[in-house]
Amino acid sequence: MGVIDSLLARVGLQRRGEPEPTANPATLPAKPDTPPADKTLPGETASTGAGTTETGRRGTPESQLKTIYRQLTVDYELRAIINDIRLMDRQDGRVKRIHNRVARDVTRGGLVMLNATPGSQLQAQWAAYIRRLELNNPQKLKSDARGLLMEGNLPIQWVLDSAANVAAAVRMPTETIRPNVGLNGRFTDPARAYTQMDLQAGTELASFPLWQMTVARLDPDNHDDMAALGRPFLDASREIWRKLRMTDTDLVVRRRHRAPLRLSHVLEGATETELQTYQTRVEANKDLITTDFYLNKKGSVTAVQGDANLGDIEDVLYLLDSFFAGTPLPKGMMGYTDGMARDILEDLKRDYFDEVDQLQDMLALAYEFGFRLQLLLRGINPDAEPFTITFAERRTETLTQTTDRALKLQALGLPKSMVWEEIGYNAAEVEARRQSDAKHYDPYPSEPNAPPAVKITPGNGRKGESATSVSNGH
């Protein structure tokens, strides 16, 4: 039984045209000498003694102790962190904007499959796959990206329909998922790799085999330790965020109580009744624009200035810098640009773009697992034809910057298919569309189209970049 038959048998289906499992093997036609089929599903780890030499335990002693507790319930420490991050996202607009900005930049342009073979059967499978799973919906992609950032994990349940098609990719709550992993850091049973727990009743809601759930983990302590879940992006910034919020509140309270101008009234020899009468009369007129004070005893009215050190907020700025140092977004890109040079901001933006690219790779790899599963269910070997699932816009650039980069790559001599892939287009679809347009719209189909001439002038563009000029080849 191969990979496809094993997977279909798990969902109660069978490939059409295959003999029944109860058939006599002697009556089956003889097969040529071929290597034995791999009986493990994608992502499964062969057990010890089944052709591997791995020994020992993958996790640290501390993680092994946590694994013992997690055999009964979920990781409550991770759940507390996730609840803190969600509270921060609801109460602080800066945190909400960080999550929204990163999720928007990661999913910008949507998913695309890069395949250099025109007319491939993968194209039809991919088009149907993204429609069924709503991967062409920006809200779906942004929701998954926000979940990865806020929870540190993206558990995706692959839902199959009655025709054995991957019909949905459902994002599950991380704090309810328990990986069934032994002390050696591997799944004890791939048929029950993950379990969803009911935290109120303390019971198991459902179990998922390894093919049915994919968990994308953000910065786990050990990637090879299957019990090590990911960490939210802002988990280490929670303490700084609490101090920053407390200092912001103290700053407002100090301004409210110490900033206004006050008056000191001194009445020498006044009795308690006279002083109270004077205070009542003065406070009754305090809201007037101009207030005069009349004294029939020796006294004075002296102005007491407000706090003159309200501009000293270095402690707030320090906490603000410390908070943004632990976020993927630079402080300058969030509107805090005081004292920041433009060249420093450009360097920080490049570092942020690298972070976005890595998050795109993680999300694309998770969706690629579901597509490979769909191909296996349709009897297509996903390794027979090379393809790549990625996001259309790999960098948060403007359209002009992206086009300029593509022209420079073309001037370097890169194949046109790689240039199209670099800017987020499927080279096979572009070539098919070009041939179709040449047949229907080109008034001179017999004359070959000369490629445009591209000239690069180093250091002559904006911000010291190379200038690019394109001339018609005719």
Protein backbone atom coordinates (compact mmCIF):
# COMPACT_ATOMS: atom_id res chain seq x y z
CA MET A 1 0.00 0.00 0.00
CA GLY A 2 1.51 3.30 -1.13
CA VAL A 3 1.13 6.78 0.23
CA ILE A 4 -2.07 7.53 -1.71
CA ASP A 5 -3.74 4.24 -0.79
CA SER A 6 -2.75 4.64 2.85
CA LEU A 7 -4.22 8.15 2.99
CA LEU A 8 -7.45 7.20 1.23
CA ALA A 9 -7.86 4.23 3.54
CA ARG A 10 -7.67 6.57 6.54
CA VAL A 11 -10.65 8.57 5.28
CA GLY A 12 -12.62 5.47 4.24
CA LEU A 13 -12.06 5.81 0.47
CA GLN A 14 -10.31 3.79 -2.19
CA ARG A 15 -8.85 4.61 -5.58
CA ARG A 16 -11.01 3.63 -8.48
CA GLY A 17 -9.71 0.74 -10.52
CA GLU A 18 -7.73 -0.75 -7.64
CA PRO A 19 -8.44 -4.35 -6.51
CA GLU A 20 -10.27 -4.91 -3.27
CA PRO A 21 -8.07 -5.45 -0.22
CA THR A 22 -9.50 -8.94 0.19
CA ALA A 23 -8.41 -10.04 -3.29
CA ASN A 24 -6.04 -12.99 -3.54
CA PRO A 25 -2.52 -11.69 -4.19
CA ALA A 26 -1.82 -14.72 -6.35
CA THR A 27 -4.47 -13.61 -8.86
CA LEU A 28 -3.03 -10.12 -9.23
CA PRO A 29 -0.81 -9.41 -12.24
CA ALA A 30 2.88 -9.63 -11.60
CA LYS A 31 4.71 -6.35 -11.23
CA PRO A 32 8.25 -5.61 -12.35
CA ASP A 33 11.01 -5.30 -9.83
CA THR A 34 10.51 -1.86 -8.30
CA PRO A 35 11.62 -0.46 -4.96
CA PRO A 36 9.02 -0.81 -2.20
CA ALA A 37 6.56 2.05 -1.90
CA ASP A 38 7.00 4.49 0.92
CA LYS A 39 4.24 3.84 3.46
CA THR A 40 4.78 7.01 5.47
CA LEU A 41 2.83 10.16 4.81
CA PRO A 42 4.46 13.54 4.21
CA GLY A 43 5.77 14.82 7.53
CA GLU A 44 5.73 11.45 9.25
CA THR A 45 8.87 10.32 11.05
CA ALA A 46 9.83 6.69 10.75
CA SER A 47 9.84 4.95 14.10
CA THR A 48 13.02 3.87 15.80
CA GLY A 49 14.30 0.59 14.41
CA ALA A 50 12.57 1.03 11.02
CA GLY A 51 15.63 1.89 9.01
CA THR A 52 16.92 4.89 10.98
CA THR A 53 19.83 5.26 13.36
CA GLU A 54 18.45 8.09 15.47
CA THR A 55 18.83 7.64 19.22
CA GLY A 56 18.52 9.85 22.25
CA ARG A 57 16.07 12.64 23.01
CA ARG A 58 15.66 15.82 21.03
CA GLY A 59 14.33 18.04 23.79
CA THR A 60 16.13 19.67 26.70
CA PRO A 61 15.54 18.34 30.24
CA GLU A 62 13.23 21.27 30.94
CA SER A 63 11.18 20.67 27.80
CA GLN A 64 10.97 16.96 28.61
CA LEU A 65 9.47 17.85 31.99
CA LYS A 66 6.91 20.05 30.25
CA THR A 67 6.14 17.19 27.88
CA ILE A 68 5.21 14.98 30.82
CA TYR A 69 2.67 17.56 32.01
CA ARG A 70 1.40 18.18 28.48
CA GLN A 71 0.52 14.52 28.05
CA LEU A 72 -2.60 15.28 30.11
CA THR A 73 -3.51 18.82 29.09
CA VAL A 74 -2.42 21.81 27.04
CA ASP A 75 0.46 24.21 27.69
CA TYR A 76 -1.15 26.71 30.08
CA GLU A 77 1.97 28.88 30.09
CA LEU A 78 1.63 29.40 26.35
CA ARG A 79 -2.09 30.03 26.79
CA ALA A 80 -1.38 32.80 29.34
CA ILE A 81 1.09 34.42 26.94
CA ILE A 82 -1.42 34.31 24.08
CA ASN A 83 -4.11 35.89 26.26
CA ASP A 84 -1.67 38.67 27.20
CA ILE A 85 -0.91 39.34 23.54
CA ARG A 86 -4.61 39.49 22.70
CA LEU A 87 -5.17 41.93 25.58
CA MET A 88 -2.33 44.10 24.32
CA ASP A 89 -3.83 44.05 20.82
CA ARG A 90 -7.21 45.20 22.14
CA GLN A 91 -5.97 47.93 24.48
CA ASP A 92 -3.02 49.45 22.63
CA GLY A 93 -3.31 50.85 19.13
CA ARG A 94 0.43 50.49 18.61
CA VAL A 95 0.30 46.73 19.14
CA LYS A 96 -2.76 46.40 16.93
CA ARG A 97 -1.08 48.38 14.19
CA ILE A 98 2.05 46.22 14.41
CA HIS A 99 0.00 43.06 13.92
CA ASN A 100 -2.07 44.57 11.12
CA ARG A 101 0.90 46.12 9.33
CA VAL A 102 3.01 42.97 9.37
CA ALA A 103 0.07 40.74 8.38
CA ARG A 104 -0.79 43.10 5.54
CA ASP A 105 2.77 43.22 4.21
CA VAL A 106 3.20 39.45 4.51
CA THR A 107 0.06 38.64 2.50
CA ARG A 108 0.44 41.49 0.04
CA GLY A 109 -0.23 40.30 -3.52
CA GLY A 110 -1.67 36.92 -2.54
CA LEU A 111 -0.40 33.42 -3.20
CA VAL A 112 1.00 32.28 -6.53
CA MET A 113 2.37 28.99 -7.84
CA LEU A 114 5.57 29.24 -9.86
CA ASN A 115 5.78 26.51 -12.47
CA ALA A 116 7.88 26.78 -15.63
CA THR A 117 5.87 24.19 -17.61
CA PRO A 118 3.03 25.74 -19.67
CA GLY A 119 -0.25 23.85 -19.71
CA SER A 120 0.71 21.70 -16.76
CA GLN A 121 -1.99 19.74 -14.94
CA LEU A 122 -0.80 21.43 -11.77
CA GLN A 123 -2.28 24.72 -12.98
CA ALA A 124 -5.85 23.41 -12.98
CA GLN A 125 -5.35 21.73 -9.62
CA TRP A 126 -3.91 24.92 -8.12
CA ALA A 127 -6.71 27.12 -9.46
CA ALA A 128 -9.36 24.83 -7.96
CA TYR A 129 -7.36 24.50 -4.72
CA ILE A 130 -7.17 28.22 -3.97
CA ARG A 131 -10.88 28.69 -4.80
CA ARG A 132 -12.02 25.92 -2.46
CA LEU A 133 -9.76 27.02 0.39
CA GLU A 134 -10.43 30.79 -0.11
CA LEU A 135 -6.74 31.43 -0.45
CA ASN A 136 -7.58 34.11 -3.00
CA ASN A 137 -9.42 36.02 -0.26
CA PRO A 138 -7.18 38.68 1.36
CA GLN A 139 -9.17 38.45 4.61
CA LYS A 140 -8.41 34.74 4.94
CA LEU A 141 -4.70 35.22 4.34
CA LYS A 142 -4.50 38.19 6.72
CA SER A 143 -6.36 36.26 9.43
CA ASP A 144 -3.89 33.39 9.18
CA ALA A 145 -0.92 35.78 9.25
CA ARG A 146 -2.28 37.60 12.31
CA GLY A 147 -2.84 34.27 14.04
CA LEU A 148 0.77 33.27 13.39
CA LEU A 149 2.04 36.57 14.84
CA MET A 150 -0.24 36.71 17.88
CA GLU A 151 -0.24 33.02 18.81
CA GLY A 152 3.20 32.03 17.54
CA ASN A 153 1.65 29.03 15.80
CA LEU A 154 -0.65 28.44 12.87
CA PRO A 155 -2.50 25.11 13.28
CA ILE A 156 -4.29 24.39 10.00
CA GLN A 157 -6.79 21.54 9.79
CA TRP A 158 -7.12 20.12 6.27
CA VAL A 159 -10.76 19.21 5.66
CA LEU A 160 -11.55 16.60 2.99
CA ASP A 161 -14.89 16.32 1.21
CA SER A 162 -16.65 13.17 0.04
CA ALA A 163 -14.66 13.18 -3.22
CA ALA A 164 -11.33 13.16 -1.35
CA ASN A 165 -10.50 16.79 -2.21
CA VAL A 166 -8.91 19.22 0.23
CA ALA A 167 -11.98 21.40 0.70
CA ALA A 168 -10.94 23.80 3.49
CA ALA A 169 -7.98 24.99 5.53
CA VAL A 170 -9.40 25.80 8.96
CA ARG A 171 -7.26 27.78 11.42
CA MET A 172 -7.56 26.23 14.87
CA PRO A 173 -6.90 28.01 18.22
CA THR A 174 -3.36 27.28 19.35
CA GLU A 175 -4.08 27.25 23.09
CA THR A 176 -6.40 24.24 22.69
CA ILE A 177 -3.98 22.08 20.64
CA ARG A 178 -1.82 19.47 22.36
CA PRO A 179 0.92 17.67 20.41
CA ASN A 180 1.06 14.00 21.37
CA VAL A 181 4.83 13.71 21.64
CA GLY A 182 6.98 11.41 23.72
CA LEU A 183 10.07 12.28 25.71
CA ASN A 184 12.22 11.66 22.65
CA GLY A 185 10.59 14.62 20.89
CA ARG A 186 8.75 12.58 18.25
CA PHE A 187 5.11 11.79 17.74
CA THR A 188 4.09 8.65 19.57
CA ASP A 189 1.45 7.80 16.95
CA PRO A 190 1.17 9.70 13.61
CA ALA A 191 -2.50 8.67 13.48
CA ARG A 192 -3.08 10.80 16.63
CA ALA A 193 -0.42 13.47 16.24
CA TYR A 194 -2.46 16.33 17.71
CA THR A 195 -5.40 16.55 20.10
CA GLN A 196 -7.77 19.43 20.72
CA MET A 197 -8.72 19.84 24.38
CA ASP A 198 -11.86 21.26 25.99
CA LEU A 199 -10.28 23.55 28.59
CA GLN A 200 -13.49 23.95 30.60
CA ALA A 201 -14.27 20.24 30.93
CA GLY A 202 -10.69 18.99 30.65
CA THR A 203 -11.67 16.41 28.03
CA GLU A 204 -10.47 15.65 24.51
CA LEU A 205 -12.59 17.09 21.72
CA ALA A 206 -10.88 15.58 18.67
CA SER A 207 -7.69 13.92 17.53
CA PHE A 208 -5.91 14.71 14.27
CA PRO A 209 -3.50 12.52 12.31
CA LEU A 210 -0.36 14.13 11.02
CA TRP A 211 -1.71 14.60 7.50
CA GLN A 212 -4.86 16.33 8.76
CA MET A 213 -3.16 19.11 10.75
CA THR A 214 -0.16 21.23 9.88
CA VAL A 215 1.33 23.48 12.55
CA ALA A 216 3.56 26.34 11.40
CA ARG A 217 5.69 27.31 14.41
CA LEU A 218 7.30 30.71 14.88
CA ASP A 219 10.67 30.57 16.65
CA PRO A 220 10.26 27.29 18.58
CA ASP A 221 12.96 26.42 21.09
CA ASN A 222 13.91 23.44 18.91
CA HIS A 223 12.40 22.83 15.48
CA ASP A 224 13.20 19.11 15.63
CA ASP A 225 11.42 18.74 18.97
CA MET A 226 7.80 18.28 17.92
CA ALA A 227 6.63 19.19 21.44
CA ALA A 228 8.20 22.66 21.22
CA LEU A 229 5.47 25.01 20.02
CA GLY A 230 6.17 28.45 18.63
CA ARG A 231 6.25 31.74 20.47
CA PRO A 232 4.24 34.91 19.73
CA PHE A 233 6.32 37.63 18.16
CA LEU A 234 5.78 40.07 21.04
CA ASP A 235 5.96 37.59 23.91
CA ALA A 236 9.29 38.92 25.17
CA SER A 237 8.02 42.52 24.99
CA ARG A 238 5.11 42.05 27.37
CA GLU A 239 6.99 43.29 30.46
CA ILE A 240 8.29 46.37 28.64
CA TRP A 241 4.76 47.03 27.36
CA ARG A 242 3.34 46.98 30.91
CA LYS A 243 5.98 49.46 32.09
CA LEU A 244 5.36 51.66 29.07
CA ARG A 245 1.61 51.72 29.70
CA MET A 246 2.17 52.48 33.39
CA THR A 247 4.57 55.31 32.57
CA ASP A 248 2.15 56.75 30.01
CA THR A 249 -0.57 56.81 32.66
CA ASP A 250 1.74 58.42 35.22
CA LEU A 251 2.71 61.02 32.64
CA VAL A 252 -0.90 62.04 32.11
CA VAL A 253 -1.64 62.10 35.85
CA ARG A 254 1.38 64.28 36.52
CA ARG A 255 0.36 66.77 33.86
CA ARG A 256 -3.21 66.90 35.13
CA HIS A 257 -2.26 67.60 38.73
CA ARG A 258 0.98 69.55 38.49
CA ALA A 259 0.78 71.54 35.25
CA PRO A 260 -1.95 74.15 36.11
CA LEU A 261 -1.05 77.52 37.63
CA ARG A 262 -2.03 77.89 41.29
CA LEU A 263 -2.43 80.87 43.62
CA SER A 264 -1.28 81.04 47.22
CA HIS A 265 -3.56 83.26 49.40
CA VAL A 266 -2.14 84.46 52.73
CA LEU A 267 -4.41 86.32 55.19
CA GLU A 268 -2.61 87.19 58.38
CA GLY A 269 -4.68 87.05 61.53
CA ALA A 270 -7.81 85.70 59.83
CA THR A 271 -10.07 83.43 61.82
CA GLU A 272 -11.29 80.09 60.54
CA THR A 273 -14.70 81.56 59.67
CA GLU A 274 -13.18 84.53 57.83
CA LEU A 275 -10.79 82.30 55.93
CA GLN A 276 -13.63 79.96 54.93
CA THR A 277 -15.79 82.88 53.77
CA TYR A 278 -12.91 84.28 51.72
CA GLN A 279 -12.19 80.87 50.15
CA THR A 280 -15.84 80.38 49.21
CA ARG A 281 -16.05 83.79 47.57
CA VAL A 282 -12.83 83.35 45.59
CA GLU A 283 -13.61 79.83 44.38
CA ALA A 284 -17.06 80.94 43.26
CA ASN A 285 -15.40 83.30 40.74
CA LYS A 286 -12.45 81.11 39.72
CA ASP A 287 -13.98 80.26 36.31
CA LEU A 288 -14.06 83.90 35.27
CA ILE A 289 -11.49 85.11 32.77
CA THR A 290 -10.27 87.84 35.15
CA THR A 291 -10.59 87.53 38.88
CA ASP A 292 -9.64 90.30 41.32
CA PHE A 293 -8.99 89.61 44.99
CA TYR A 294 -9.92 92.14 47.70
CA LEU A 295 -8.44 91.76 51.16
CA ASN A 296 -9.37 93.71 54.30
CA LYS A 297 -6.51 92.18 56.28
CA LYS A 298 -2.83 92.09 55.76
CA GLY A 299 -2.10 89.37 53.24
CA SER A 300 -0.94 88.55 49.73
CA VAL A 301 -1.82 86.50 46.65
CA THR A 302 1.20 84.78 45.12
CA ALA A 303 1.23 82.80 41.87
CA VAL A 304 2.65 79.28 42.11
CA GLN A 305 3.91 78.12 38.75
CA GLY A 306 3.21 74.61 37.47
CA ASP A 307 5.76 71.87 37.12
CA ALA A 308 8.55 73.17 34.93
CA ASN A 309 10.00 69.69 34.25
CA LEU A 310 7.06 68.21 32.38
CA GLY A 311 9.16 68.04 29.21
CA ASP A 312 11.57 65.55 30.79
CA ILE A 313 10.24 62.28 29.36
CA GLU A 314 13.49 60.43 28.77
CA ASP A 315 12.19 57.48 30.76
CA VAL A 316 9.17 57.20 28.46
CA LEU A 317 11.35 57.41 25.36
CA TYR A 318 13.64 54.72 26.74
CA LEU A 319 10.73 52.35 27.31
CA LEU A 320 9.34 53.20 23.87
CA ASP A 321 12.67 52.38 22.23
CA SER A 322 12.96 49.16 24.24
CA PHE A 323 9.46 48.09 23.20
CA PHE A 324 9.97 48.67 19.49
CA ALA A 325 13.37 46.99 19.62
CA GLY A 326 11.51 43.72 20.25
CA THR A 327 9.02 44.19 17.42
CA PRO A 328 9.49 43.47 13.71
CA LEU A 329 8.60 47.06 12.82
CA PRO A 330 11.13 49.88 13.35
CA LYS A 331 9.95 52.77 15.47
CA GLY A 332 10.39 55.16 12.56
CA MET A 333 7.91 53.23 10.42
CA MET A 334 5.29 53.61 13.16
CA GLY A 335 5.42 57.42 13.08
CA TYR A 336 8.13 58.09 15.71
CA THR A 337 10.65 59.83 13.46
CA ASP A 338 12.12 62.45 15.82
CA GLY A 339 15.89 62.46 15.64
CA MET A 340 16.06 59.60 13.11
CA ALA A 341 18.17 60.05 9.99
CA ARG A 342 16.79 58.92 6.65
CA ASP A 343 19.68 56.55 5.89
CA ILE A 344 19.21 54.80 9.24
CA LEU A 345 15.50 54.39 8.49
CA GLU A 346 16.34 52.85 5.11
CA ASP A 347 18.59 50.28 6.80
CA LEU A 348 15.86 49.43 9.30
CA LYS A 349 13.34 49.03 6.48
CA ARG A 350 15.58 46.52 4.71
CA ASP A 351 15.84 44.51 7.89
CA TYR A 352 12.06 44.63 8.24
CA PHE A 353 11.63 43.42 4.65
CA ASP A 354 13.85 40.41 5.42
CA GLU A 355 11.59 39.61 8.37
CA VAL A 356 8.55 39.82 6.12
CA ASP A 357 10.15 37.51 3.55
CA GLN A 358 10.80 34.87 6.21
CA LEU A 359 7.21 35.01 7.44
CA GLN A 360 6.02 34.66 3.85
CA ASP A 361 8.13 31.53 3.46
CA MET A 362 6.60 30.01 6.59
CA LEU A 363 3.03 30.67 5.48
CA ALA A 364 3.66 29.53 1.92
CA LEU A 365 5.22 26.28 3.15
CA ALA A 366 2.13 25.55 5.26
CA TYR A 367 -0.20 26.08 2.28
CA GLU A 368 2.12 24.04 0.07
CA PHE A 369 1.67 21.06 2.40
CA GLY A 370 -2.08 21.15 1.74
CA PHE A 371 -1.54 21.41 -2.01
CA ARG A 372 0.84 18.45 -2.01
CA LEU A 373 -1.79 16.53 -0.08
CA GLN A 374 -4.35 17.43 -2.75
CA LEU A 375 -2.04 16.20 -5.50
CA LEU A 376 -1.48 12.89 -3.71
CA LEU A 377 -5.23 12.40 -3.40
CA ARG A 378 -5.58 12.95 -7.14
CA GLY A 379 -2.86 10.41 -7.92
CA ILE A 380 -0.28 13.04 -8.94
CA ASN A 381 3.27 12.80 -7.68
CA PRO A 382 4.09 16.29 -6.32
CA ASP A 383 7.81 15.63 -6.80
CA ALA A 384 7.49 14.68 -10.46
CA GLU A 385 7.20 18.30 -11.61
CA PRO A 386 9.01 21.12 -9.80
CA PHE A 387 6.84 23.94 -8.49
CA THR A 388 7.02 26.56 -5.77
CA ILE A 389 4.24 28.12 -3.70
CA THR A 390 5.08 31.66 -2.71
CA PHE A 391 3.59 35.12 -2.36
CA ALA A 392 3.33 37.35 -5.39
CA GLU A 393 5.19 40.30 -3.82
CA ARG A 394 8.25 39.15 -1.98
CA ARG A 395 9.17 42.61 -0.76
CA THR A 396 7.14 45.59 0.38
CA GLU A 397 8.24 47.71 -2.57
CA THR A 398 6.41 50.12 -4.80
CA LEU A 399 5.48 49.04 -8.33
CA THR A 400 8.19 51.29 -9.76
CA GLN A 401 10.87 49.74 -7.55
CA THR A 402 9.75 46.21 -8.42
CA THR A 403 9.79 46.95 -12.16
CA ASP A 404 13.19 48.62 -11.91
CA ARG A 405 14.60 45.58 -10.14
CA ALA A 406 13.20 43.25 -12.82
CA LEU A 407 14.73 45.31 -15.62
CA LYS A 408 18.11 45.24 -13.93
CA LEU A 409 17.93 41.47 -13.56
CA GLN A 410 17.08 41.22 -17.24
CA ALA A 411 20.06 43.43 -18.09
CA LEU A 412 22.27 41.01 -16.15
CA GLY A 413 21.20 38.22 -18.48
CA LEU A 414 18.81 36.24 -16.29
CA PRO A 415 16.28 34.07 -18.16
CA LYS A 416 12.96 35.79 -18.73
CA SER A 417 11.13 33.09 -16.80
CA MET A 418 13.19 33.86 -13.69
CA VAL A 419 12.58 37.59 -14.13
CA TRP A 420 8.82 37.05 -14.26
CA GLU A 421 8.99 34.85 -11.17
CA GLU A 422 11.06 37.47 -9.34
CA ILE A 423 8.28 40.05 -9.71
CA GLY A 424 5.56 37.60 -8.71
CA TYR A 425 4.14 36.28 -12.00
CA ASN A 426 3.88 32.69 -13.18
CA ALA A 427 6.21 32.45 -16.16
CA ALA A 428 4.11 29.72 -17.80
CA GLU A 429 0.95 31.85 -17.65
CA VAL A 430 2.81 34.89 -19.00
CA GLU A 431 4.17 32.89 -21.94
CA ALA A 432 0.75 31.41 -22.73
CA ARG A 433 -0.85 34.86 -22.61
CA ARG A 434 1.90 36.31 -24.82
CA GLN A 435 1.37 33.65 -27.48
CA SER A 436 -2.38 34.16 -27.34
CA ASP A 437 -2.03 37.92 -27.76
CA ALA A 438 0.39 37.44 -30.66
CA LYS A 439 -2.23 35.37 -32.49
CA HIS A 440 -5.17 37.69 -31.86
CA TYR A 441 -3.79 41.20 -31.47
CA ASP A 442 -0.44 41.39 -33.34
CA PRO A 443 -1.04 42.95 -36.78
CA TYR A 444 2.35 41.64 -38.00
CA PRO A 445 2.64 38.14 -36.61
CA SER A 446 5.36 37.17 -39.09
CA GLU A 447 7.81 39.76 -37.79
CA PRO A 448 9.61 38.85 -34.59
CA ASN A 449 9.32 41.29 -31.73
CA ALA A 450 12.67 42.71 -30.83
CA PRO A 451 13.29 42.86 -27.07
CA PRO A 452 13.62 46.30 -25.53
CA ALA A 453 17.09 47.66 -24.93
CA VAL A 454 17.80 48.19 -21.25
CA LYS A 455 20.56 50.54 -20.07
CA ILE A 456 21.78 50.86 -16.49
CA THR A 457 23.53 53.95 -15.17
CA PRO A 458 24.97 53.20 -11.69
CA GLY A 459 24.59 55.85 -9.02
CA ASN A 460 22.42 58.12 -11.11
CA GLY A 461 19.04 57.27 -9.59
CA ARG A 462 17.10 58.35 -6.55
CA LYS A 463 18.89 57.75 -3.23
CA GLY A 464 22.05 56.66 -5.05
CA GLU A 465 20.40 53.76 -6.87
CA SER A 466 21.07 52.86 -10.47
CA ALA A 467 19.08 54.64 -13.14
CA THR A 468 17.30 52.45 -15.68
CA SER A 469 16.34 53.47 -19.22
CA VAL A 470 14.37 51.33 -21.69
CA SER A 471 14.29 52.00 -25.43
CA ASN A 472 12.25 50.32 -28.16
CA GLY A 473 14.18 47.67 -30.05
CA HIS A 474 12.58 48.40 -33.46
